[in-house]
Amino acid sequence: MANEPARNPPAPLTPDEELAWRALARAVLVIPKVLDGELLQAQGLGLTEYSVLMNLSEQPGRCMRMSELANAASISVSGLTRVVERLTRQGLVERVKADTDGRGQLAVLTPAGLARLQKAYPTLLAGVREHVMDHLADLDLAAFTQAMSGIAAPEMGPPVRRIPPTSPA
């Protein structure tokens, strides 16, 4: 269990491992903020909205269950609800009830949403090339991809909400 003390504590990081860990930690925090800022400035569309539109565009029928879309976009279901509401007000996404069960909700990409995604794509592509791919040019991309896929496997899902500590009685 994660809260139990380790029987055999892990070995300390080597200096190279420490540098790699800190570089990765900084990259996963900084890159999304940089790309979000560039998209907002150039397109008026944030990275989370872009991710929602992109994920919908890649699905058959350009629709997904809200819970699956939240996982794909790496945000909470409540966070996705707010994003989809904003996108719905802009006419980029519609929310409909799932045919298979009356309780399920689907997010559906509209033609306007697809056009908006296509308009924003060159901005994101330029940012990804400049801030990520250009720095990986001399690496084995297959090995890099495999390592990153192991670090952040899709089944890990969106971040878990922190539960506030209970106060002593």
N, C-alpha and C. Protein backbone atom coordinates (compact mmCIF):
# COMPACT_ATOMS: atom_id res chain seq x y z
N MET A 1 0.83 -1.18 0.00
CA MET A 1 0.00 0.00 0.00
C MET A 1 0.88 1.25 0.00
N ALA A 2 0.44 2.31 -0.65
CA ALA A 2 1.26 3.51 -0.80
C ALA A 2 1.53 4.21 0.53
N ASN A 3 0.63 4.10 1.52
CA ASN A 3 0.80 4.79 2.79
C ASN A 3 1.63 4.01 3.79
N GLU A 4 1.92 2.76 3.51
CA GLU A 4 2.70 1.93 4.42
C GLU A 4 4.19 2.20 4.20
N PRO A 5 4.97 2.16 5.30
CA PRO A 5 6.42 2.35 5.13
C PRO A 5 7.01 1.21 4.32
N ALA A 6 7.97 1.52 3.50
CA ALA A 6 8.60 0.51 2.64
C ALA A 6 9.44 -0.41 3.51
N ARG A 7 9.37 -1.70 3.21
CA ARG A 7 10.19 -2.68 3.94
C ARG A 7 11.65 -2.51 3.53
N ASN A 8 11.87 -2.34 2.24
CA ASN A 8 13.20 -2.09 1.71
C ASN A 8 13.14 -0.74 1.02
N PRO A 9 13.56 0.31 1.68
CA PRO A 9 13.45 1.63 1.04
C PRO A 9 14.21 1.64 -0.28
N PRO A 10 13.68 2.39 -1.25
CA PRO A 10 14.36 2.46 -2.54
C PRO A 10 15.73 3.12 -2.42
N ALA A 11 16.59 2.75 -3.32
CA ALA A 11 17.93 3.33 -3.35
C ALA A 11 17.82 4.81 -3.71
N PRO A 12 18.65 5.65 -3.12
CA PRO A 12 18.64 7.07 -3.50
C PRO A 12 18.94 7.22 -4.99
N LEU A 13 18.46 8.32 -5.54
CA LEU A 13 18.73 8.59 -6.95
C LEU A 13 20.21 8.94 -7.13
N THR A 14 20.75 8.48 -8.24
CA THR A 14 22.10 8.89 -8.61
C THR A 14 22.03 10.35 -9.05
N PRO A 15 23.15 11.03 -9.12
CA PRO A 15 23.10 12.42 -9.61
C PRO A 15 22.45 12.53 -10.99
N ASP A 16 22.76 11.61 -11.91
CA ASP A 16 22.15 11.66 -13.24
C ASP A 16 20.64 11.39 -13.17
N GLU A 17 20.23 10.45 -12.32
CA GLU A 17 18.81 10.17 -12.16
C GLU A 17 18.08 11.38 -11.57
N GLU A 18 18.71 12.04 -10.60
CA GLU A 18 18.11 13.22 -9.99
C GLU A 18 17.92 14.32 -11.03
N LEU A 19 18.93 14.54 -11.87
CA LEU A 19 18.81 15.55 -12.93
C LEU A 19 17.70 15.18 -13.92
N ALA A 20 17.63 13.90 -14.30
CA ALA A 20 16.59 13.45 -15.23
C ALA A 20 15.21 13.65 -14.62
N TRP A 21 15.05 13.26 -13.36
CA TRP A 21 13.76 13.40 -12.69
C TRP A 21 13.34 14.87 -12.63
N ARG A 22 14.25 15.74 -12.24
CA ARG A 22 13.91 17.16 -12.13
C ARG A 22 13.60 17.77 -13.49
N ALA A 23 14.32 17.35 -14.52
CA ALA A 23 14.04 17.86 -15.86
C ALA A 23 12.65 17.40 -16.33
N LEU A 24 12.33 16.14 -16.09
CA LEU A 24 11.02 15.63 -16.47
C LEU A 24 9.91 16.34 -15.69
N ALA A 25 10.09 16.49 -14.39
CA ALA A 25 9.08 17.15 -13.55
C ALA A 25 8.84 18.58 -14.03
N ARG A 26 9.91 19.28 -14.36
CA ARG A 26 9.76 20.65 -14.85
C ARG A 26 9.06 20.67 -16.20
N ALA A 27 9.45 19.75 -17.08
CA ALA A 27 8.85 19.71 -18.41
C ALA A 27 7.35 19.45 -18.36
N VAL A 28 6.93 18.51 -17.51
CA VAL A 28 5.50 18.20 -17.47
C VAL A 28 4.70 19.35 -16.87
N LEU A 29 5.33 20.22 -16.12
CA LEU A 29 4.64 21.39 -15.59
C LEU A 29 4.69 22.57 -16.56
N VAL A 30 5.84 22.79 -17.19
CA VAL A 30 6.04 23.99 -18.00
C VAL A 30 5.45 23.86 -19.41
N ILE A 31 5.67 22.75 -20.07
CA ILE A 31 5.24 22.62 -21.47
C ILE A 31 3.75 22.86 -21.65
N PRO A 32 2.88 22.24 -20.85
CA PRO A 32 1.45 22.52 -21.04
C PRO A 32 1.10 24.00 -20.84
N LYS A 33 1.75 24.66 -19.87
CA LYS A 33 1.48 26.08 -19.64
C LYS A 33 1.91 26.92 -20.83
N VAL A 34 3.07 26.61 -21.39
CA VAL A 34 3.58 27.35 -22.55
C VAL A 34 2.65 27.15 -23.75
N LEU A 35 2.29 25.90 -24.03
CA LEU A 35 1.40 25.62 -25.17
C LEU A 35 0.03 26.25 -24.95
N ASP A 36 -0.47 26.20 -23.72
CA ASP A 36 -1.76 26.81 -23.40
C ASP A 36 -1.71 28.31 -23.68
N GLY A 37 -0.64 28.96 -23.21
CA GLY A 37 -0.50 30.40 -23.43
C GLY A 37 -0.43 30.76 -24.91
N GLU A 38 0.33 29.97 -25.67
CA GLU A 38 0.44 30.25 -27.11
C GLU A 38 -0.90 30.06 -27.81
N LEU A 39 -1.62 28.99 -27.47
CA LEU A 39 -2.93 28.76 -28.08
C LEU A 39 -3.92 29.85 -27.71
N LEU A 40 -3.92 30.24 -26.43
CA LEU A 40 -4.83 31.30 -26.00
C LEU A 40 -4.54 32.62 -26.71
N GLN A 41 -3.27 32.95 -26.79
CA GLN A 41 -2.90 34.22 -27.42
C GLN A 41 -3.22 34.23 -28.91
N ALA A 42 -2.88 33.17 -29.60
CA ALA A 42 -3.05 33.14 -31.06
C ALA A 42 -4.45 32.74 -31.50
N GLN A 43 -5.11 31.88 -30.71
CA GLN A 43 -6.37 31.30 -31.18
C GLN A 43 -7.56 31.55 -30.25
N GLY A 44 -7.31 32.05 -29.04
CA GLY A 44 -8.40 32.23 -28.09
C GLY A 44 -8.97 30.90 -27.61
N LEU A 45 -8.15 29.87 -27.68
CA LEU A 45 -8.56 28.52 -27.30
C LEU A 45 -7.49 27.93 -26.40
N GLY A 46 -7.87 27.43 -25.22
CA GLY A 46 -6.90 26.87 -24.30
C GLY A 46 -6.52 25.44 -24.67
N LEU A 47 -5.44 24.97 -24.08
CA LEU A 47 -4.95 23.61 -24.36
C LEU A 47 -5.96 22.55 -23.94
N THR A 48 -6.67 22.75 -22.85
CA THR A 48 -7.67 21.78 -22.42
C THR A 48 -8.81 21.72 -23.43
N GLU A 49 -9.29 22.87 -23.88
CA GLU A 49 -10.35 22.89 -24.90
C GLU A 49 -9.86 22.22 -26.18
N TYR A 50 -8.62 22.51 -26.56
CA TYR A 50 -8.04 21.89 -27.74
C TYR A 50 -8.02 20.38 -27.58
N SER A 51 -7.59 19.90 -26.42
CA SER A 51 -7.51 18.47 -26.17
C SER A 51 -8.88 17.81 -26.26
N VAL A 52 -9.90 18.46 -25.74
CA VAL A 52 -11.26 17.92 -25.82
C VAL A 52 -11.70 17.83 -27.28
N LEU A 53 -11.51 18.90 -28.03
CA LEU A 53 -11.88 18.89 -29.45
C LEU A 53 -11.10 17.83 -30.22
N MET A 54 -9.80 17.73 -29.96
CA MET A 54 -8.96 16.76 -30.64
C MET A 54 -9.42 15.33 -30.36
N ASN A 55 -9.65 15.02 -29.08
CA ASN A 55 -10.08 13.67 -28.73
C ASN A 55 -11.41 13.33 -29.38
N LEU A 56 -12.34 14.27 -29.41
CA LEU A 56 -13.62 14.02 -30.07
C LEU A 56 -13.44 13.80 -31.57
N SER A 57 -12.54 14.57 -32.18
CA SER A 57 -12.34 14.48 -33.63
C SER A 57 -11.81 13.12 -34.07
N GLU A 58 -11.16 12.42 -33.15
CA GLU A 58 -10.52 11.15 -33.48
C GLU A 58 -11.44 9.94 -33.28
N GLN A 59 -12.64 10.16 -32.79
CA GLN A 59 -13.56 9.07 -32.49
C GLN A 59 -14.57 8.85 -33.62
N PRO A 60 -15.02 7.61 -33.79
CA PRO A 60 -16.11 7.36 -34.74
C PRO A 60 -17.33 8.19 -34.34
N GLY A 61 -17.92 8.85 -35.29
CA GLY A 61 -19.07 9.70 -35.00
C GLY A 61 -18.71 10.98 -34.29
N ARG A 62 -17.42 11.18 -34.07
CA ARG A 62 -16.90 12.37 -33.37
C ARG A 62 -17.62 12.62 -32.05
N CYS A 63 -17.83 11.52 -31.29
CA CYS A 63 -18.47 11.65 -29.99
C CYS A 63 -17.85 10.66 -29.01
N MET A 64 -17.96 11.01 -27.72
CA MET A 64 -17.44 10.16 -26.64
C MET A 64 -18.32 10.34 -25.41
N ARG A 65 -18.37 9.29 -24.59
CA ARG A 65 -19.00 9.42 -23.27
C ARG A 65 -18.17 10.43 -22.48
N MET A 66 -18.84 11.20 -21.67
CA MET A 66 -18.17 12.24 -20.90
C MET A 66 -17.07 11.64 -20.01
N SER A 67 -17.35 10.52 -19.36
CA SER A 67 -16.34 9.93 -18.47
C SER A 67 -15.11 9.47 -19.25
N GLU A 68 -15.31 8.91 -20.43
CA GLU A 68 -14.19 8.47 -21.25
C GLU A 68 -13.40 9.67 -21.78
N LEU A 69 -14.12 10.72 -22.13
CA LEU A 69 -13.47 11.94 -22.62
C LEU A 69 -12.64 12.59 -21.52
N ALA A 70 -13.16 12.59 -20.30
CA ALA A 70 -12.40 13.14 -19.17
C ALA A 70 -11.09 12.39 -19.00
N ASN A 71 -11.15 11.08 -19.08
CA ASN A 71 -9.94 10.26 -18.95
C ASN A 71 -8.97 10.56 -20.10
N ALA A 72 -9.48 10.62 -21.32
CA ALA A 72 -8.63 10.88 -22.49
C ALA A 72 -7.97 12.25 -22.40
N ALA A 73 -8.69 13.24 -21.87
CA ALA A 73 -8.15 14.60 -21.78
C ALA A 73 -7.40 14.84 -20.47
N SER A 74 -7.34 13.81 -19.62
CA SER A 74 -6.63 13.88 -18.33
C SER A 74 -7.14 14.99 -17.42
N ILE A 75 -8.48 15.10 -17.33
CA ILE A 75 -9.09 16.04 -16.41
C ILE A 75 -10.22 15.33 -15.67
N SER A 76 -10.66 15.91 -14.59
CA SER A 76 -11.75 15.32 -13.82
C SER A 76 -13.06 15.44 -14.61
N VAL A 77 -14.03 14.63 -14.25
CA VAL A 77 -15.33 14.68 -14.91
C VAL A 77 -15.98 16.05 -14.67
N SER A 78 -15.86 16.58 -13.46
CA SER A 78 -16.44 17.90 -13.19
C SER A 78 -15.72 18.99 -13.99
N GLY A 79 -14.41 18.87 -14.11
CA GLY A 79 -13.66 19.82 -14.93
C GLY A 79 -14.07 19.73 -16.39
N LEU A 80 -14.25 18.51 -16.88
CA LEU A 80 -14.70 18.33 -18.25
C LEU A 80 -16.08 18.94 -18.46
N THR A 81 -16.96 18.77 -17.49
CA THR A 81 -18.31 19.33 -17.61
C THR A 81 -18.22 20.84 -17.84
N ARG A 82 -17.37 21.51 -17.09
CA ARG A 82 -17.22 22.97 -17.27
C ARG A 82 -16.65 23.31 -18.65
N VAL A 83 -15.67 22.54 -19.11
CA VAL A 83 -15.07 22.78 -20.43
C VAL A 83 -16.12 22.56 -21.52
N VAL A 84 -16.86 21.46 -21.43
CA VAL A 84 -17.87 21.16 -22.44
C VAL A 84 -18.98 22.22 -22.44
N GLU A 85 -19.33 22.73 -21.27
CA GLU A 85 -20.32 23.81 -21.21
C GLU A 85 -19.83 25.03 -21.98
N ARG A 86 -18.56 25.40 -21.77
CA ARG A 86 -17.99 26.55 -22.51
C ARG A 86 -18.00 26.28 -24.01
N LEU A 87 -17.58 25.08 -24.40
CA LEU A 87 -17.52 24.74 -25.82
C LEU A 87 -18.93 24.67 -26.42
N THR A 88 -19.90 24.25 -25.63
CA THR A 88 -21.29 24.20 -26.09
C THR A 88 -21.81 25.62 -26.34
N ARG A 89 -21.51 26.53 -25.43
CA ARG A 89 -21.95 27.93 -25.62
C ARG A 89 -21.35 28.53 -26.89
N GLN A 90 -20.18 28.05 -27.29
CA GLN A 90 -19.54 28.55 -28.52
C GLN A 90 -19.99 27.79 -29.76
N GLY A 91 -20.82 26.77 -29.58
CA GLY A 91 -21.31 25.98 -30.71
C GLY A 91 -20.30 24.96 -31.23
N LEU A 92 -19.28 24.64 -30.43
CA LEU A 92 -18.23 23.74 -30.88
C LEU A 92 -18.49 22.29 -30.50
N VAL A 93 -19.28 22.08 -29.47
CA VAL A 93 -19.61 20.75 -28.96
C VAL A 93 -21.08 20.75 -28.57
N GLU A 94 -21.71 19.59 -28.68
CA GLU A 94 -23.07 19.40 -28.18
C GLU A 94 -23.04 18.27 -27.16
N ARG A 95 -23.94 18.34 -26.19
CA ARG A 95 -24.13 17.25 -25.22
C ARG A 95 -25.44 16.57 -25.53
N VAL A 96 -25.40 15.26 -25.64
CA VAL A 96 -26.61 14.50 -25.92
C VAL A 96 -26.65 13.27 -25.00
N LYS A 97 -27.86 12.76 -24.79
CA LYS A 97 -27.99 11.52 -24.00
C LYS A 97 -27.53 10.35 -24.84
N ALA A 98 -26.88 9.41 -24.19
CA ALA A 98 -26.42 8.20 -24.87
C ALA A 98 -27.62 7.36 -25.26
N ASP A 99 -27.58 6.77 -26.46
CA ASP A 99 -28.65 5.89 -26.92
C ASP A 99 -28.72 4.61 -26.09
N THR A 100 -27.57 4.15 -25.64
CA THR A 100 -27.50 2.85 -24.96
C THR A 100 -28.08 2.88 -23.56
N ASP A 101 -27.98 4.01 -22.86
CA ASP A 101 -28.62 4.14 -21.55
C ASP A 101 -29.00 5.60 -21.34
N GLY A 102 -30.11 5.81 -20.72
CA GLY A 102 -30.63 7.17 -20.56
C GLY A 102 -29.83 8.04 -19.63
N ARG A 103 -28.96 7.44 -18.80
CA ARG A 103 -28.19 8.23 -17.85
C ARG A 103 -26.90 8.75 -18.44
N GLY A 104 -26.34 8.05 -19.41
CA GLY A 104 -25.05 8.44 -19.98
C GLY A 104 -25.15 9.69 -20.84
N GLN A 105 -24.10 10.49 -20.80
CA GLN A 105 -24.03 11.70 -21.60
C GLN A 105 -22.87 11.58 -22.58
N LEU A 106 -23.11 12.05 -23.80
CA LEU A 106 -22.08 12.07 -24.82
C LEU A 106 -21.74 13.52 -25.15
N ALA A 107 -20.48 13.76 -25.43
CA ALA A 107 -20.05 15.03 -26.01
C ALA A 107 -19.86 14.76 -27.50
N VAL A 108 -20.41 15.62 -28.33
CA VAL A 108 -20.36 15.44 -29.78
C VAL A 108 -19.72 16.68 -30.40
N LEU A 109 -18.70 16.46 -31.21
CA LEU A 109 -18.03 17.55 -31.90
C LEU A 109 -18.92 18.05 -33.05
N THR A 110 -19.16 19.35 -33.10
CA THR A 110 -19.96 19.92 -34.18
C THR A 110 -19.04 20.24 -35.38
N PRO A 111 -19.62 20.48 -36.55
CA PRO A 111 -18.79 20.93 -37.68
C PRO A 111 -18.01 22.20 -37.35
N ALA A 112 -18.62 23.11 -36.60
CA ALA A 112 -17.91 24.34 -36.19
C ALA A 112 -16.74 24.00 -35.27
N GLY A 113 -16.92 22.98 -34.42
CA GLY A 113 -15.85 22.55 -33.53
C GLY A 113 -14.69 21.95 -34.30
N LEU A 114 -15.00 21.16 -35.32
CA LEU A 114 -13.94 20.59 -36.15
C LEU A 114 -13.19 21.69 -36.89
N ALA A 115 -13.92 22.67 -37.40
CA ALA A 115 -13.27 23.79 -38.10
C ALA A 115 -12.38 24.58 -37.14
N ARG A 116 -12.85 24.76 -35.91
CA ARG A 116 -12.06 25.49 -34.92
C ARG A 116 -10.78 24.74 -34.57
N LEU A 117 -10.90 23.42 -34.43
CA LEU A 117 -9.74 22.58 -34.17
C LEU A 117 -8.74 22.67 -35.31
N GLN A 118 -9.22 22.58 -36.53
CA GLN A 118 -8.33 22.66 -37.70
C GLN A 118 -7.65 24.01 -37.79
N LYS A 119 -8.33 25.07 -37.38
CA LYS A 119 -7.73 26.40 -37.40
C LYS A 119 -6.63 26.53 -36.35
N ALA A 120 -6.84 25.89 -35.18
CA ALA A 120 -5.88 25.99 -34.08
C ALA A 120 -4.69 25.05 -34.25
N TYR A 121 -4.84 23.99 -35.04
CA TYR A 121 -3.80 22.97 -35.17
C TYR A 121 -2.43 23.54 -35.56
N PRO A 122 -2.31 24.42 -36.54
CA PRO A 122 -0.97 24.92 -36.89
C PRO A 122 -0.26 25.61 -35.72
N THR A 123 -1.01 26.30 -34.88
CA THR A 123 -0.41 26.96 -33.72
C THR A 123 0.14 25.93 -32.75
N LEU A 124 -0.66 24.91 -32.44
CA LEU A 124 -0.19 23.87 -31.53
C LEU A 124 0.99 23.12 -32.13
N LEU A 125 0.90 22.78 -33.40
CA LEU A 125 1.98 22.06 -34.07
C LEU A 125 3.30 22.83 -33.97
N ALA A 126 3.25 24.12 -34.24
CA ALA A 126 4.46 24.93 -34.15
C ALA A 126 5.02 24.92 -32.73
N GLY A 127 4.14 25.02 -31.74
CA GLY A 127 4.59 25.00 -30.35
C GLY A 127 5.19 23.67 -29.95
N VAL A 128 4.56 22.57 -30.36
CA VAL A 128 5.07 21.25 -30.03
C VAL A 128 6.43 21.03 -30.69
N ARG A 129 6.57 21.45 -31.93
CA ARG A 129 7.86 21.32 -32.61
C ARG A 129 8.94 22.12 -31.88
N GLU A 130 8.64 23.39 -31.59
CA GLU A 130 9.64 24.27 -30.97
C GLU A 130 10.00 23.84 -29.55
N HIS A 131 8.99 23.54 -28.74
CA HIS A 131 9.23 23.32 -27.31
C HIS A 131 9.49 21.87 -26.93
N VAL A 132 9.20 20.93 -27.86
CA VAL A 132 9.39 19.52 -27.52
C VAL A 132 10.24 18.81 -28.58
N MET A 133 9.70 18.65 -29.76
CA MET A 133 10.33 17.78 -30.76
C MET A 133 11.72 18.24 -31.16
N ASP A 134 11.94 19.54 -31.26
CA ASP A 134 13.27 20.02 -31.62
C ASP A 134 14.32 19.62 -30.57
N HIS A 135 13.89 19.41 -29.32
CA HIS A 135 14.82 19.03 -28.25
C HIS A 135 15.04 17.52 -28.20
N LEU A 136 14.24 16.77 -28.94
CA LEU A 136 14.35 15.30 -28.94
C LEU A 136 14.97 14.77 -30.23
N ALA A 137 15.43 15.65 -31.09
CA ALA A 137 15.89 15.28 -32.42
C ALA A 137 16.96 14.20 -32.42
N ASP A 138 17.83 14.19 -31.43
CA ASP A 138 18.93 13.22 -31.42
C ASP A 138 18.64 11.97 -30.58
N LEU A 139 17.42 11.85 -30.10
CA LEU A 139 17.05 10.70 -29.26
C LEU A 139 16.38 9.60 -30.08
N ASP A 140 16.39 8.41 -29.57
CA ASP A 140 15.65 7.30 -30.13
C ASP A 140 14.19 7.52 -29.73
N LEU A 141 13.36 8.02 -30.66
CA LEU A 141 11.99 8.37 -30.33
C LEU A 141 11.16 7.16 -29.93
N ALA A 142 11.42 6.00 -30.51
CA ALA A 142 10.66 4.80 -30.12
C ALA A 142 10.94 4.46 -28.65
N ALA A 143 12.20 4.51 -28.24
CA ALA A 143 12.55 4.22 -26.85
C ALA A 143 11.98 5.30 -25.92
N PHE A 144 12.06 6.54 -26.35
CA PHE A 144 11.52 7.64 -25.56
C PHE A 144 10.01 7.46 -25.37
N THR A 145 9.31 7.15 -26.45
CA THR A 145 7.86 6.96 -26.41
C THR A 145 7.50 5.81 -25.48
N GLN A 146 8.25 4.72 -25.56
CA GLN A 146 7.98 3.57 -24.71
C GLN A 146 8.17 3.95 -23.23
N ALA A 147 9.23 4.68 -22.94
CA ALA A 147 9.48 5.09 -21.56
C ALA A 147 8.37 6.02 -21.06
N MET A 148 7.99 7.00 -21.86
CA MET A 148 6.95 7.94 -21.45
C MET A 148 5.60 7.23 -21.31
N SER A 149 5.33 6.26 -22.17
CA SER A 149 4.08 5.51 -22.09
C SER A 149 4.01 4.70 -20.80
N GLY A 150 5.14 4.22 -20.34
CA GLY A 150 5.18 3.50 -19.08
C GLY A 150 5.00 4.43 -17.88
N ILE A 151 5.48 5.65 -18.00
CA ILE A 151 5.37 6.63 -16.92
C ILE A 151 3.93 7.10 -16.77
N ALA A 152 3.27 7.35 -17.87
CA ALA A 152 1.91 7.90 -17.84
C ALA A 152 0.98 7.05 -18.69
N ALA A 153 0.79 5.81 -18.29
CA ALA A 153 -0.08 4.90 -19.03
C ALA A 153 -1.52 5.41 -19.01
N PRO A 154 -2.26 5.25 -20.12
CA PRO A 154 -3.64 5.75 -20.20
C PRO A 154 -4.54 5.21 -19.10
N GLU A 155 -4.30 3.98 -18.65
CA GLU A 155 -5.17 3.41 -17.62
C GLU A 155 -5.00 4.08 -16.25
N MET A 156 -4.00 4.93 -16.13
CA MET A 156 -3.82 5.65 -14.87
C MET A 156 -4.97 6.63 -14.64
N GLY A 157 -5.59 7.10 -15.72
CA GLY A 157 -6.74 7.98 -15.60
C GLY A 157 -6.37 9.39 -15.21
N PRO A 158 -7.41 10.20 -14.96
CA PRO A 158 -7.16 11.59 -14.58
C PRO A 158 -6.63 11.68 -13.15
N PRO A 159 -6.11 12.85 -12.79
CA PRO A 159 -5.56 13.01 -11.44
C PRO A 159 -6.63 12.74 -10.38
N VAL A 160 -6.20 12.18 -9.26
CA VAL A 160 -7.10 11.90 -8.16
C VAL A 160 -7.23 13.17 -7.32
N ARG A 161 -8.47 13.47 -6.91
CA ARG A 161 -8.67 14.64 -6.06
C ARG A 161 -8.14 14.40 -4.68
N ARG A 162 -7.54 15.41 -4.13
CA ARG A 162 -7.01 15.32 -2.77
C ARG A 162 -8.18 15.38 -1.79
N ILE A 163 -8.16 14.51 -0.82
CA ILE A 163 -9.20 14.49 0.20
C ILE A 163 -8.68 15.30 1.38
N PRO A 164 -9.46 16.32 1.81
CA PRO A 164 -8.96 17.13 2.94
C PRO A 164 -8.87 16.28 4.20
N PRO A 165 -7.84 16.53 5.00
CA PRO A 165 -7.71 15.75 6.24
C PRO A 165 -8.88 16.06 7.18
N THR A 166 -9.28 15.07 7.92
CA THR A 166 -10.35 15.27 8.87
C THR A 166 -9.77 15.91 10.12
N SER A 167 -10.55 16.80 10.70
CA SER A 167 -10.05 17.47 11.88
C SER A 167 -10.27 16.59 13.11
N PRO A 168 -9.38 16.67 14.08
CA PRO A 168 -9.55 15.82 15.27
C PRO A 168 -10.81 16.23 16.02
N ALA A 169 -11.49 15.25 16.57
CA ALA A 169 -12.76 15.51 17.28
C ALA A 169 -12.54 16.04 18.67
